[in-house]
Structure formats: C-alpha cells, structure tokens
Amino acid sequence: MFSTELLAQTLITGLMIGVLYALMALGITFIYSIVRMINWAMGEFYMLGSYIQYVAVAHMLGRDLWWLAILISTAGTFIAGYLLEPILIKPMHARAMERRDDYAAVVTIALMLMLRSLAVAIGGPYQYRPETNLPIMWVGPLPMEGARVIASVGALLALALFYVIISKTWVGLALRAAAQNRVAAQTSGIDVFKLDEIAFAIGVALAGLAGALLAPLFLVYPTNGAITTVKGFEIIVIGGLGSILGSIVGGVLLGVIEALGSVFLSPAYKDLYGFVFLIGLLVIRPNGLFGERERLV
C-alpha cells in the first residue's frame, strides 16, 4: 500500500545505492573522456578492490580497521591501473593505428578475462565477506546496515574529492583540457600520455573503491564485477557518453528508479526497470541526458 513514509524510505534507499552506481559509472566515463576508449575490464577492477579489501581485513588489519583497508584497496587499484596503462593502452595513441576502438576493446576484454582467471586460480570460486564492526544505523525513518550507510557516505566523499581534484588543481585543469581536445592540449606542452596514465589509474581506482565499499554487502568472488559493469554502462548511456555530470545524475536516477519499481511494482524485475527507462530516454534523447554531440580528438 502506498504511503508517504514508504515513499520517503524508498527514495532514501534509491539515493544511497544511486551514489554507488554513480561512482562506478564515473570511472568509466572519466577514462573515456581522457583516453578515448571504453574499458571493458572495469568490473574486474571492482573485483580487485573487493579482494584487496577482504585480504586486508581478514588477514592483516582486522575488522576494526576496515576503513584503512578501504584506503589500501583504492590505492592498490590505482597503482595497478597506473602500471598497466603504459603497457596495454598507450600503444593505442603512441603508434599509428586505424581502428583504435577495436584495439581498446580487444585489449581490455583480454585483461578482463585474465584478471578473472587469476582470481579463480588464486582465491578459488568461493565467496568471501570482509567483516566490519559497524552497528545498525538510522537514516531518517529507516534502519539500515552500517556497512550500507558507510558505503554511501564513502561514495559521496569520493565524488566530492574527485570534484575538488578536477576543478581546483593543475592536474585537474590539464585533464579537462585533454578531455576537450587532446591535440590542442598536446601542442600547449601538456604530456597527454602521462595524463592518460593518471586518468586510467583514477578511473579504475574509483571502481576499486566501489568494490571495497560494497564488499561487506555483496560479497567477494571472481565474477562480482560483472553486474556492476552492466550497471555502469547502462548509467553512462542514460547520462550521456563522455559526460561526468551525466554519470552522477544517471547513477542516482537508476538507483531511485530501481528502488521505486522494486517496492511499488515487483522486486523480481528490478533490473528491468532501468532498461525500460533507458530505452524510453533514448527514443527522446539519443545522446542521453548530457551526452556530447561530437567528439574532438
């Protein structure tokens, strides 16, 4: 039965999961904006972050230092991305190449399969859960698991920090310039290849952070990044490919739509509601909410 209190609770739940969706989609969009490629291995960096979180909590720090494990997981995925980009992604721009999009797709899909296979080989096909000492917390009228609340708060803090870095620092200014026009940025003396490394590392670190935040809720296993990858691409199409604002708005919208549909229609079709909204939106706005009409190289 519909009630104002139920609607408020549903909106709160949708907003909390929406900011986490936005965190994942932001990483995909940010890499695309700078490096001009789709990273199909994004879910595997989410998975990597969740595994680092589990290992750090279960075998190194303990449940009381879960917050430190989140920082370690984010830093670990950042370093992994920073080291992998020159090897796998840089040749796409450093050499003359006719079909860069195809190269990027093949390389990142191969990376996805490799990371997933390594996870199975090292950790086995088992599910793990990093423990925390967080109690039940109240969010408005709604009691929630502490890990869920902290995950949403952590995502909000990460989005705020990302905004500060992009808006207030020299590196952020250089990244924004490269996103608008790589050639103009390069002729201005900016090392765009170094920016590619930084952008790729930041993008996958956002995915690793999401994996670490959600590990206590959705468990840790080799394929746990698959659904997040689907959600991430769904969001960037809703928000508009290449739009950072669109990733955030699209993530929040998707979270709210799924929450409303699950409560007031049927939870069995939770994933369907977002796709129906996506199809309807593309009929009206093929570029998404904030999508770019053209891309400068």
C-alpha atoms as a PDB file:
ATOM      1  CA  MET A   1       0.000   0.000   0.000  1.00  0.00           C
ATOM      2  CA  PHE A   2       1.258   3.459  -0.905  1.00  0.00           C
ATOM      3  CA  SER A   3       2.178   5.808   1.935  1.00  0.00           C
ATOM      4  CA  THR A   4       4.274   8.935   2.289  1.00  0.00           C
ATOM      5  CA  GLU A   5       6.572   7.196   4.772  1.00  0.00           C
ATOM      6  CA  LEU A   6       7.114   4.251   2.426  1.00  0.00           C
ATOM      7  CA  LEU A   7       7.855   6.626  -0.451  1.00  0.00           C
ATOM      8  CA  ALA A   8      10.398   8.505   1.678  1.00  0.00           C
ATOM      9  CA  GLN A   9      12.085   5.270   2.729  1.00  0.00           C
ATOM     10  CA  THR A  10      12.224   4.064  -0.872  1.00  0.00           C
ATOM     11  CA  LEU A  11      13.716   7.330  -2.114  1.00  0.00           C
ATOM     12  CA  ILE A  12      16.370   7.224   0.614  1.00  0.00           C
ATOM     13  CA  THR A  13      17.276   3.661  -0.340  1.00  0.00           C
ATOM     14  CA  GLY A  14      17.405   4.561  -4.035  1.00  0.00           C
ATOM     15  CA  LEU A  15      19.595   7.600  -3.449  1.00  0.00           C
ATOM     16  CA  MET A  16      22.030   5.597  -1.321  1.00  0.00           C
ATOM     17  CA  ILE A  17      22.527   2.890  -3.932  1.00  0.00           C
ATOM     18  CA  GLY A  18      22.455   5.506  -6.701  1.00  0.00           C
ATOM     19  CA  VAL A  19      25.580   7.307  -5.489  1.00  0.00           C
ATOM     20  CA  LEU A  20      27.401   3.978  -5.523  1.00  0.00           C
ATOM     21  CA  TYR A  21      26.211   3.334  -9.072  1.00  0.00           C
ATOM     22  CA  ALA A  22      27.442   6.819  -9.959  1.00  0.00           C
ATOM     23  CA  LEU A  23      30.888   6.065  -8.549  1.00  0.00           C
ATOM     24  CA  MET A  24      31.294   3.097 -10.876  1.00  0.00           C
ATOM     25  CA  ALA A  25      29.930   4.917 -13.923  1.00  0.00           C
ATOM     26  CA  LEU A  26      32.118   7.944 -13.220  1.00  0.00           C
ATOM     27  CA  GLY A  27      35.246   5.813 -13.582  1.00  0.00           C
ATOM     28  CA  ILE A  28      34.116   4.521 -16.975  1.00  0.00           C
ATOM     29  CA  THR A  29      33.181   7.996 -18.214  1.00  0.00           C
ATOM     30  CA  PHE A  30      36.346   9.621 -16.925  1.00  0.00           C
ATOM     31  CA  ILE A  31      38.584   7.140 -18.730  1.00  0.00           C
ATOM     32  CA  TYR A  32      36.559   7.568 -21.906  1.00  0.00           C
ATOM     33  CA  SER A  33      36.745  11.377 -21.672  1.00  0.00           C
ATOM     34  CA  ILE A  34      40.539  11.454 -21.462  1.00  0.00           C
ATOM     35  CA  VAL A  35      41.850   8.280 -23.071  1.00  0.00           C
ATOM     36  CA  ARG A  36      39.070   7.968 -25.671  1.00  0.00           C
ATOM     37  CA  MET A  37      38.352   4.312 -25.023  1.00  0.00           C
ATOM     38  CA  ILE A  38      35.836   2.089 -23.289  1.00  0.00           C
ATOM     39  CA  ASN A  39      37.397  -0.003 -20.533  1.00  0.00           C
ATOM     40  CA  TRP A  40      35.567  -3.330 -20.650  1.00  0.00           C
ATOM     41  CA  ALA A  41      37.646  -4.598 -17.717  1.00  0.00           C
ATOM     42  CA  MET A  42      36.158  -2.034 -15.325  1.00  0.00           C
ATOM     43  CA  GLY A  43      34.221  -4.683 -13.404  1.00  0.00           C
ATOM     44  CA  GLU A  44      37.406  -6.628 -12.798  1.00  0.00           C
ATOM     45  CA  PHE A  45      38.995  -3.629 -11.094  1.00  0.00           C
ATOM     46  CA  TYR A  46      35.874  -3.507  -8.920  1.00  0.00           C
ATOM     47  CA  MET A  47      36.530  -7.176  -8.187  1.00  0.00           C
ATOM     48  CA  LEU A  48      40.213  -6.459  -7.471  1.00  0.00           C
ATOM     49  CA  GLY A  49      39.266  -3.766  -4.981  1.00  0.00           C
ATOM     50  CA  SER A  50      36.880  -6.106  -3.188  1.00  0.00           C
ATOM     51  CA  TYR A  51      39.541  -8.836  -2.946  1.00  0.00           C
ATOM     52  CA  ILE A  52      42.125  -6.415  -1.559  1.00  0.00           C
ATOM     53  CA  GLN A  53      39.533  -5.280   0.980  1.00  0.00           C
ATOM     54  CA  TYR A  54      38.891  -8.855   2.094  1.00  0.00           C
ATOM     55  CA  VAL A  55      42.564  -9.800   2.346  1.00  0.00           C
ATOM     56  CA  ALA A  56      43.414  -6.623   4.229  1.00  0.00           C
ATOM     57  CA  VAL A  57      40.583  -7.074   6.746  1.00  0.00           C
ATOM     58  CA  ALA A  58      40.727 -10.842   7.166  1.00  0.00           C
ATOM     59  CA  HIS A  59      44.497 -11.397   7.187  1.00  0.00           C
ATOM     60  CA  MET A  60      46.181  -8.085   8.019  1.00  0.00           C
ATOM     61  CA  LEU A  61      44.216  -5.362   9.791  1.00  0.00           C
ATOM     62  CA  GLY A  62      41.156  -6.947  11.380  1.00  0.00           C
ATOM     63  CA  ARG A  63      37.549  -5.815  11.377  1.00  0.00           C
ATOM     64  CA  ASP A  64      38.184  -2.687  13.463  1.00  0.00           C
ATOM     65  CA  LEU A  65      40.393  -1.155  10.753  1.00  0.00           C
ATOM     66  CA  TRP A  66      38.010  -1.772   7.844  1.00  0.00           C
ATOM     67  CA  TRP A  67      38.286   1.931   6.922  1.00  0.00           C
ATOM     68  CA  LEU A  68      42.062   1.653   6.464  1.00  0.00           C
ATOM     69  CA  ALA A  69      41.523  -1.385   4.259  1.00  0.00           C
ATOM     70  CA  ILE A  70      39.296   0.750   2.010  1.00  0.00           C
ATOM     71  CA  LEU A  71      42.144   3.229   1.535  1.00  0.00           C
ATOM     72  CA  ILE A  72      44.551   0.377   0.782  1.00  0.00           C
ATOM     73  CA  SER A  73      42.130  -1.118  -1.750  1.00  0.00           C
ATOM     74  CA  THR A  74      41.714   2.197  -3.539  1.00  0.00           C
ATOM     75  CA  ALA A  75      45.467   2.805  -3.615  1.00  0.00           C
ATOM     76  CA  GLY A  76      46.098  -0.754  -4.791  1.00  0.00           C
ATOM     77  CA  THR A  77      43.775  -0.477  -7.775  1.00  0.00           C
ATOM     78  CA  PHE A  78      45.195   2.976  -8.583  1.00  0.00           C
ATOM     79  CA  ILE A  79      48.726   1.542  -8.708  1.00  0.00           C
ATOM     80  CA  ALA A  80      47.555  -1.434 -10.798  1.00  0.00           C
ATOM     81  CA  GLY A  81      45.925   0.894 -13.326  1.00  0.00           C
ATOM     82  CA  TYR A  82      48.931   3.220 -13.384  1.00  0.00           C
ATOM     83  CA  LEU A  83      51.263   0.319 -14.151  1.00  0.00           C
ATOM     84  CA  LEU A  84      49.035  -1.381 -16.720  1.00  0.00           C
ATOM     85  CA  GLU A  85      48.138   1.677 -18.811  1.00  0.00           C
ATOM     86  CA  PRO A  86      51.592   2.218 -20.429  1.00  0.00           C
ATOM     87  CA  ILE A  87      51.770  -1.462 -21.336  1.00  0.00           C
ATOM     88  CA  LEU A  88      48.268  -2.039 -22.674  1.00  0.00           C
ATOM     89  CA  ILE A  89      46.672   1.293 -23.534  1.00  0.00           C
ATOM     90  CA  LYS A  90      49.478   3.683 -24.516  1.00  0.00           C
ATOM     91  CA  PRO A  91      50.268   1.878 -27.817  1.00  0.00           C
ATOM     92  CA  MET A  92      46.788   2.873 -28.984  1.00  0.00           C
ATOM     93  CA  HIS A  93      47.872   6.536 -29.153  1.00  0.00           C
ATOM     94  CA  ALA A  94      51.656   6.233 -29.452  1.00  0.00           C
ATOM     95  CA  ARG A  95      51.518   4.324 -32.733  1.00  0.00           C
ATOM     96  CA  ALA A  96      49.682   4.952 -35.981  1.00  0.00           C
ATOM     97  CA  MET A  97      46.565   2.820 -35.724  1.00  0.00           C
ATOM     98  CA  GLU A  98      43.465   2.847 -37.920  1.00  0.00           C
ATOM     99  CA  ARG A  99      40.995   1.083 -35.612  1.00  0.00           C
ATOM    100  CA  ARG A 100      41.808   2.253 -32.105  1.00  0.00           C
ATOM    101  CA  ASP A 101      38.388   1.390 -30.716  1.00  0.00           C
ATOM    102  CA  ASP A 102      38.787  -2.231 -31.806  1.00  0.00           C
ATOM    103  CA  TYR A 103      42.263  -2.381 -30.269  1.00  0.00           C
ATOM    104  CA  ALA A 104      40.975  -0.985 -26.967  1.00  0.00           C
ATOM    105  CA  ALA A 105      38.055  -3.428 -26.909  1.00  0.00           C
ATOM    106  CA  VAL A 106      40.249  -6.465 -27.556  1.00  0.00           C
ATOM    107  CA  VAL A 107      42.910  -5.439 -25.036  1.00  0.00           C
ATOM    108  CA  THR A 108      40.507  -4.611 -22.201  1.00  0.00           C
ATOM    109  CA  ILE A 109      38.386  -7.732 -22.786  1.00  0.00           C
ATOM    110  CA  ALA A 110      41.582  -9.810 -22.663  1.00  0.00           C
ATOM    111  CA  LEU A 111      42.525  -8.007 -19.435  1.00  0.00           C
ATOM    112  CA  MET A 112      39.077  -8.744 -18.037  1.00  0.00           C
ATOM    113  CA  LEU A 113      39.432 -12.465 -18.739  1.00  0.00           C
ATOM    114  CA  MET A 114      42.975 -12.552 -17.351  1.00  0.00           C
ATOM    115  CA  LEU A 115      42.061 -10.838 -14.060  1.00  0.00           C
ATOM    116  CA  ARG A 116      39.001 -13.031 -13.625  1.00  0.00           C
ATOM    117  CA  SER A 117      41.027 -16.182 -14.287  1.00  0.00           C
ATOM    118  CA  LEU A 118      43.700 -15.066 -11.819  1.00  0.00           C
ATOM    119  CA  ALA A 119      41.040 -14.506  -9.167  1.00  0.00           C
ATOM    120  CA  VAL A 120      39.728 -18.032  -9.664  1.00  0.00           C
ATOM    121  CA  ALA A 121      43.233 -19.530  -9.681  1.00  0.00           C
ATOM    122  CA  ILE A 122      44.355 -17.718  -6.524  1.00  0.00           C
ATOM    123  CA  GLY A 123      41.178 -17.483  -4.445  1.00  0.00           C
ATOM    124  CA  GLY A 124      39.074 -20.249  -5.911  1.00  0.00           C
ATOM    125  CA  PRO A 125      35.398 -19.984  -6.943  1.00  0.00           C
ATOM    126  CA  TYR A 126      34.379 -19.197  -3.365  1.00  0.00           C
ATOM    127  CA  GLN A 127      32.566 -16.275  -1.779  1.00  0.00           C
ATOM    128  CA  TYR A 128      34.166 -14.220   0.970  1.00  0.00           C
ATOM    129  CA  ARG A 129      32.953 -11.379   3.144  1.00  0.00           C
ATOM    130  CA  PRO A 130      35.160  -8.842   4.927  1.00  0.00           C
ATOM    131  CA  GLU A 131      33.804  -8.172   8.411  1.00  0.00           C
ATOM    132  CA  THR A 132      33.206  -4.750   9.939  1.00  0.00           C
ATOM    133  CA  ASN A 133      32.334  -3.553  13.432  1.00  0.00           C
ATOM    134  CA  LEU A 134      29.602  -1.201  12.182  1.00  0.00           C
ATOM    135  CA  PRO A 135      26.245  -1.267  14.003  1.00  0.00           C
ATOM    136  CA  ILE A 136      22.767  -0.695  12.590  1.00  0.00           C
ATOM    137  CA  MET A 137      22.316   2.988  11.735  1.00  0.00           C
ATOM    138  CA  TRP A 138      19.219   5.126  11.299  1.00  0.00           C
ATOM    139  CA  VAL A 139      18.850   7.145   8.096  1.00  0.00           C
ATOM    140  CA  GLY A 140      15.777   9.272   8.626  1.00  0.00           C
ATOM    141  CA  PRO A 141      12.950   6.850   9.468  1.00  0.00           C
ATOM    142  CA  LEU A 142      14.845   3.858   8.071  1.00  0.00           C
ATOM    143  CA  PRO A 143      17.159   1.492   9.992  1.00  0.00           C
ATOM    144  CA  MET A 144      19.988   0.263   7.762  1.00  0.00           C
ATOM    145  CA  GLU A 145      23.016  -1.944   7.969  1.00  0.00           C
ATOM    146  CA  GLY A 146      26.000   0.166   8.957  1.00  0.00           C
ATOM    147  CA  ALA A 147      28.105  -1.055   6.039  1.00  0.00           C
ATOM    148  CA  ARG A 148      25.468   0.174   3.582  1.00  0.00           C
ATOM    149  CA  VAL A 149      25.358   3.628   5.156  1.00  0.00           C
ATOM    150  CA  ILE A 150      29.137   3.932   5.227  1.00  0.00           C
ATOM    151  CA  ALA A 151      29.353   2.766   1.605  1.00  0.00           C
ATOM    152  CA  SER A 152      27.017   5.563   0.521  1.00  0.00           C
ATOM    153  CA  VAL A 153      28.818   8.171   2.629  1.00  0.00           C
ATOM    154  CA  GLY A 154      32.166   6.970   1.271  1.00  0.00           C
ATOM    155  CA  ALA A 155      30.876   7.274  -2.285  1.00  0.00           C
ATOM    156  CA  LEU A 156      29.685  10.836  -1.622  1.00  0.00           C
ATOM    157  CA  LEU A 157      33.076  11.778  -0.155  1.00  0.00           C
ATOM    158  CA  ALA A 158      34.849  10.234  -3.152  1.00  0.00           C
ATOM    159  CA  LEU A 159      32.652  12.197  -5.564  1.00  0.00           C
ATOM    160  CA  ALA A 160      33.375  15.403  -3.638  1.00  0.00           C
ATOM    161  CA  LEU A 161      37.130  14.726  -3.649  1.00  0.00           C
ATOM    162  CA  PHE A 162      37.012  13.973  -7.363  1.00  0.00           C
ATOM    163  CA  TYR A 163      35.293  17.316  -7.960  1.00  0.00           C
ATOM    164  CA  VAL A 164      37.939  19.174  -5.968  1.00  0.00           C
ATOM    165  CA  ILE A 165      40.785  17.499  -7.850  1.00  0.00           C
ATOM    166  CA  ILE A 166      39.256  18.151 -11.267  1.00  0.00           C
ATOM    167  CA  SER A 167      38.172  21.714 -10.511  1.00  0.00           C
ATOM    168  CA  LYS A 168      40.853  23.112  -8.213  1.00  0.00           C
ATOM    169  CA  THR A 169      44.185  21.534  -9.159  1.00  0.00           C
ATOM    170  CA  TRP A 170      46.604  21.959 -12.069  1.00  0.00           C
ATOM    171  CA  VAL A 171      46.348  18.272 -12.905  1.00  0.00           C
ATOM    172  CA  GLY A 172      42.578  18.568 -12.999  1.00  0.00           C
ATOM    173  CA  LEU A 173      42.810  21.555 -15.344  1.00  0.00           C
ATOM    174  CA  ALA A 174      45.151  19.612 -17.631  1.00  0.00           C
ATOM    175  CA  LEU A 175      42.812  16.627 -17.622  1.00  0.00           C
ATOM    176  CA  ARG A 176      39.862  18.819 -18.530  1.00  0.00           C
ATOM    177  CA  ALA A 177      41.857  20.362 -21.369  1.00  0.00           C
ATOM    178  CA  ALA A 178      42.772  16.928 -22.726  1.00  0.00           C
ATOM    179  CA  ALA A 179      39.146  15.854 -22.467  1.00  0.00           C
ATOM    180  CA  GLN A 180      38.086  18.791 -24.649  1.00  0.00           C
ATOM    181  CA  ASN A 181      40.841  18.483 -27.248  1.00  0.00           C
ATOM    182  CA  ARG A 182      43.859  16.191 -26.990  1.00  0.00           C
ATOM    183  CA  VAL A 183      45.717  17.797 -29.892  1.00  0.00           C
ATOM    184  CA  ALA A 184      45.341  21.314 -28.516  1.00  0.00           C
ATOM    185  CA  ALA A 185      46.447  20.155 -25.070  1.00  0.00           C
ATOM    186  CA  GLN A 186      49.496  18.436 -26.527  1.00  0.00           C
ATOM    187  CA  THR A 187      50.522  21.463 -28.592  1.00  0.00           C
ATOM    188  CA  SER A 188      50.270  23.540 -25.402  1.00  0.00           C
ATOM    189  CA  GLY A 189      53.070  21.479 -23.869  1.00  0.00           C
ATOM    190  CA  ILE A 190      50.962  19.052 -21.848  1.00  0.00           C
ATOM    191  CA  ASP A 191      52.182  15.457 -21.751  1.00  0.00           C
ATOM    192  CA  VAL A 192      48.929  13.761 -22.735  1.00  0.00           C
ATOM    193  CA  PHE A 193      50.447  10.289 -22.380  1.00  0.00           C
ATOM    194  CA  LYS A 194      51.177  10.981 -18.712  1.00  0.00           C
ATOM    195  CA  LEU A 195      47.618  12.279 -18.336  1.00  0.00           C
ATOM    196  CA  ASP A 196      46.349   9.019 -19.856  1.00  0.00           C
ATOM    197  CA  GLU A 197      48.177   7.090 -17.138  1.00  0.00           C
ATOM    198  CA  ILE A 198      46.723   9.304 -14.417  1.00  0.00           C
ATOM    199  CA  ALA A 199      43.210   9.240 -15.861  1.00  0.00           C
ATOM    200  CA  PHE A 200      43.202   5.465 -16.307  1.00  0.00           C
ATOM    201  CA  ALA A 201      44.521   4.983 -12.768  1.00  0.00           C
ATOM    202  CA  ILE A 202      41.925   7.333 -11.274  1.00  0.00           C
ATOM    203  CA  GLY A 203      39.122   5.686 -13.221  1.00  0.00           C
ATOM    204  CA  VAL A 204      39.953   2.146 -12.126  1.00  0.00           C
ATOM    205  CA  ALA A 205      40.630   3.373  -8.565  1.00  0.00           C
ATOM    206  CA  LEU A 206      37.026   4.613  -8.431  1.00  0.00           C
ATOM    207  CA  ALA A 207      35.909   1.126  -9.414  1.00  0.00           C
ATOM    208  CA  GLY A 208      38.213  -0.416  -6.812  1.00  0.00           C
ATOM    209  CA  LEU A 209      36.815   1.924  -4.181  1.00  0.00           C
ATOM    210  CA  ALA A 210      33.281   0.873  -5.087  1.00  0.00           C
ATOM    211  CA  GLY A 211      34.323  -2.774  -4.796  1.00  0.00           C
ATOM    212  CA  ALA A 212      35.870  -2.196  -1.368  1.00  0.00           C
ATOM    213  CA  LEU A 213      32.833  -0.270  -0.097  1.00  0.00           C
ATOM    214  CA  LEU A 214      30.353  -2.881  -1.291  1.00  0.00           C
ATOM    215  CA  ALA A 215      32.370  -5.990  -0.394  1.00  0.00           C
ATOM    216  CA  PRO A 216      30.657  -6.471   3.023  1.00  0.00           C
ATOM    217  CA  LEU A 217      27.241  -6.211   1.345  1.00  0.00           C
ATOM    218  CA  PHE A 218      27.571  -8.087  -1.949  1.00  0.00           C
ATOM    219  CA  LEU A 219      30.435 -10.475  -1.069  1.00  0.00           C
ATOM    220  CA  VAL A 220      33.744 -11.098  -2.807  1.00  0.00           C
ATOM    221  CA  TYR A 221      34.071 -13.618  -5.645  1.00  0.00           C
ATOM    222  CA  PRO A 222      35.652 -13.745  -9.126  1.00  0.00           C
ATOM    223  CA  THR A 223      32.620 -12.544 -11.112  1.00  0.00           C
ATOM    224  CA  ASN A 224      31.229  -9.964  -8.703  1.00  0.00           C
ATOM    225  CA  GLY A 225      32.189  -7.159 -11.084  1.00  0.00           C
ATOM    226  CA  ALA A 226      30.016  -8.367 -13.954  1.00  0.00           C
ATOM    227  CA  ILE A 227      26.764  -6.817 -12.758  1.00  0.00           C
ATOM    228  CA  THR A 228      28.492  -3.563 -11.823  1.00  0.00           C
ATOM    229  CA  THR A 229      29.909  -3.313 -15.341  1.00  0.00           C
ATOM    230  CA  VAL A 230      26.433  -3.691 -16.826  1.00  0.00           C
ATOM    231  CA  LYS A 231      25.043  -1.071 -14.443  1.00  0.00           C
ATOM    232  CA  GLY A 232      27.928   1.267 -15.202  1.00  0.00           C
ATOM    233  CA  PHE A 233      27.407   1.164 -18.961  1.00  0.00           C
ATOM    234  CA  GLU A 234      23.662   1.499 -18.505  1.00  0.00           C
ATOM    235  CA  ILE A 235      24.253   4.668 -16.483  1.00  0.00           C
ATOM    236  CA  ILE A 236      26.679   6.301 -18.913  1.00  0.00           C
ATOM    237  CA  VAL A 237      24.205   5.769 -21.747  1.00  0.00           C
ATOM    238  CA  ILE A 238      21.460   7.375 -19.639  1.00  0.00           C
ATOM    239  CA  GLY A 239      23.659  10.287 -18.630  1.00  0.00           C
ATOM    240  CA  GLY A 240      25.411  10.614 -21.966  1.00  0.00           C
ATOM    241  CA  LEU A 241      28.708   9.088 -23.005  1.00  0.00           C
ATOM    242  CA  GLY A 242      31.553  11.387 -22.017  1.00  0.00           C
ATOM    243  CA  SER A 243      29.561  13.451 -19.510  1.00  0.00           C
ATOM    244  CA  ILE A 244      30.833  13.371 -15.930  1.00  0.00           C
ATOM    245  CA  LEU A 245      27.709  15.144 -14.676  1.00  0.00           C
ATOM    246  CA  GLY A 246      25.621  12.656 -16.638  1.00  0.00           C
ATOM    247  CA  SER A 247      27.315   9.751 -14.853  1.00  0.00           C
ATOM    248  CA  ILE A 248      26.378  11.146 -11.447  1.00  0.00           C
ATOM    249  CA  VAL A 249      22.818  12.091 -12.403  1.00  0.00           C
ATOM    250  CA  GLY A 250      22.324   8.816 -14.285  1.00  0.00           C
ATOM    251  CA  GLY A 251      23.554   6.749 -11.338  1.00  0.00           C
ATOM    252  CA  VAL A 252      21.212   8.453  -8.893  1.00  0.00           C
ATOM    253  CA  LEU A 253      18.299   8.167 -11.335  1.00  0.00           C
ATOM    254  CA  LEU A 254      18.911   4.470 -11.887  1.00  0.00           C
ATOM    255  CA  GLY A 255      19.092   3.802  -8.150  1.00  0.00           C
ATOM    256  CA  VAL A 256      15.830   5.648  -7.488  1.00  0.00           C
ATOM    257  CA  ILE A 257      14.016   4.026 -10.426  1.00  0.00           C
ATOM    258  CA  GLU A 258      15.066   0.528  -9.365  1.00  0.00           C
ATOM    259  CA  ALA A 259      14.083   1.193  -5.755  1.00  0.00           C
ATOM    260  CA  LEU A 260      10.660   2.598  -6.691  1.00  0.00           C
ATOM    261  CA  GLY A 261       9.960  -0.233  -9.101  1.00  0.00           C
ATOM    262  CA  SER A 262      11.015  -2.894  -6.619  1.00  0.00           C
ATOM    263  CA  VAL A 263       8.755  -1.528  -3.866  1.00  0.00           C
ATOM    264  CA  PHE A 264       5.689  -0.401  -5.786  1.00  0.00           C
ATOM    265  CA  LEU A 265       5.701  -2.913  -8.658  1.00  0.00           C
ATOM    266  CA  SER A 266       7.734  -6.090  -8.180  1.00  0.00           C
ATOM    267  CA  PRO A 267      11.281  -6.759  -6.909  1.00  0.00           C
ATOM    268  CA  ALA A 268      11.576  -9.658  -9.358  1.00  0.00           C
ATOM    269  CA  TYR A 269      12.018  -7.212 -12.241  1.00  0.00           C
ATOM    270  CA  LYS A 270      14.385  -4.820 -10.518  1.00  0.00           C
ATOM    271  CA  ASP A 271      16.944  -4.819 -13.343  1.00  0.00           C
ATOM    272  CA  LEU A 272      14.234  -4.415 -15.989  1.00  0.00           C
ATOM    273  CA  TYR A 273      13.002  -1.020 -14.805  1.00  0.00           C
ATOM    274  CA  GLY A 274      16.286   0.694 -15.570  1.00  0.00           C
ATOM    275  CA  PHE A 275      16.437  -0.760 -19.075  1.00  0.00           C
ATOM    276  CA  VAL A 276      12.863   0.319 -19.805  1.00  0.00           C
ATOM    277  CA  PHE A 277      13.750   3.845 -18.689  1.00  0.00           C
ATOM    278  CA  LEU A 278      16.918   3.715 -20.806  1.00  0.00           C
ATOM    279  CA  ILE A 279      15.051   2.690 -23.950  1.00  0.00           C
ATOM    280  CA  GLY A 280      12.403   5.356 -23.414  1.00  0.00           C
ATOM    281  CA  LEU A 281      15.051   8.020 -22.854  1.00  0.00           C
ATOM    282  CA  LEU A 282      16.990   7.081 -25.988  1.00  0.00           C
ATOM    283  CA  VAL A 283      13.834   7.460 -28.077  1.00  0.00           C
ATOM    284  CA  ILE A 284      13.549  11.062 -26.852  1.00  0.00           C
ATOM    285  CA  ARG A 285      17.248  11.929 -26.400  1.00  0.00           C
ATOM    286  CA  PRO A 286      19.557   9.590 -28.377  1.00  0.00           C
ATOM    287  CA  ASN A 287      22.640  11.278 -26.846  1.00  0.00           C
ATOM    288  CA  GLY A 288      21.456  10.726 -23.276  1.00  0.00           C
ATOM    289  CA  LEU A 289      20.736  13.462 -20.754  1.00  0.00           C
ATOM    290  CA  PHE A 290      24.052  15.299 -21.085  1.00  0.00           C
ATOM    291  CA  GLY A 291      25.745  13.494 -23.962  1.00  0.00           C
ATOM    292  CA  GLU A 292      28.185  15.224 -26.287  1.00  0.00           C
ATOM    293  CA  ARG A 293      27.095  15.719 -29.890  1.00  0.00           C
ATOM    294  CA  GLU A 294      30.593  15.470 -31.296  1.00  0.00           C
ATOM    295  CA  ARG A 295      33.998  14.408 -30.050  1.00  0.00           C
ATOM    296  CA  LEU A 296      37.216  16.302 -30.668  1.00  0.00           C
ATOM    297  CA  VAL A 297      40.413  14.268 -30.968  1.00  0.00           C
END
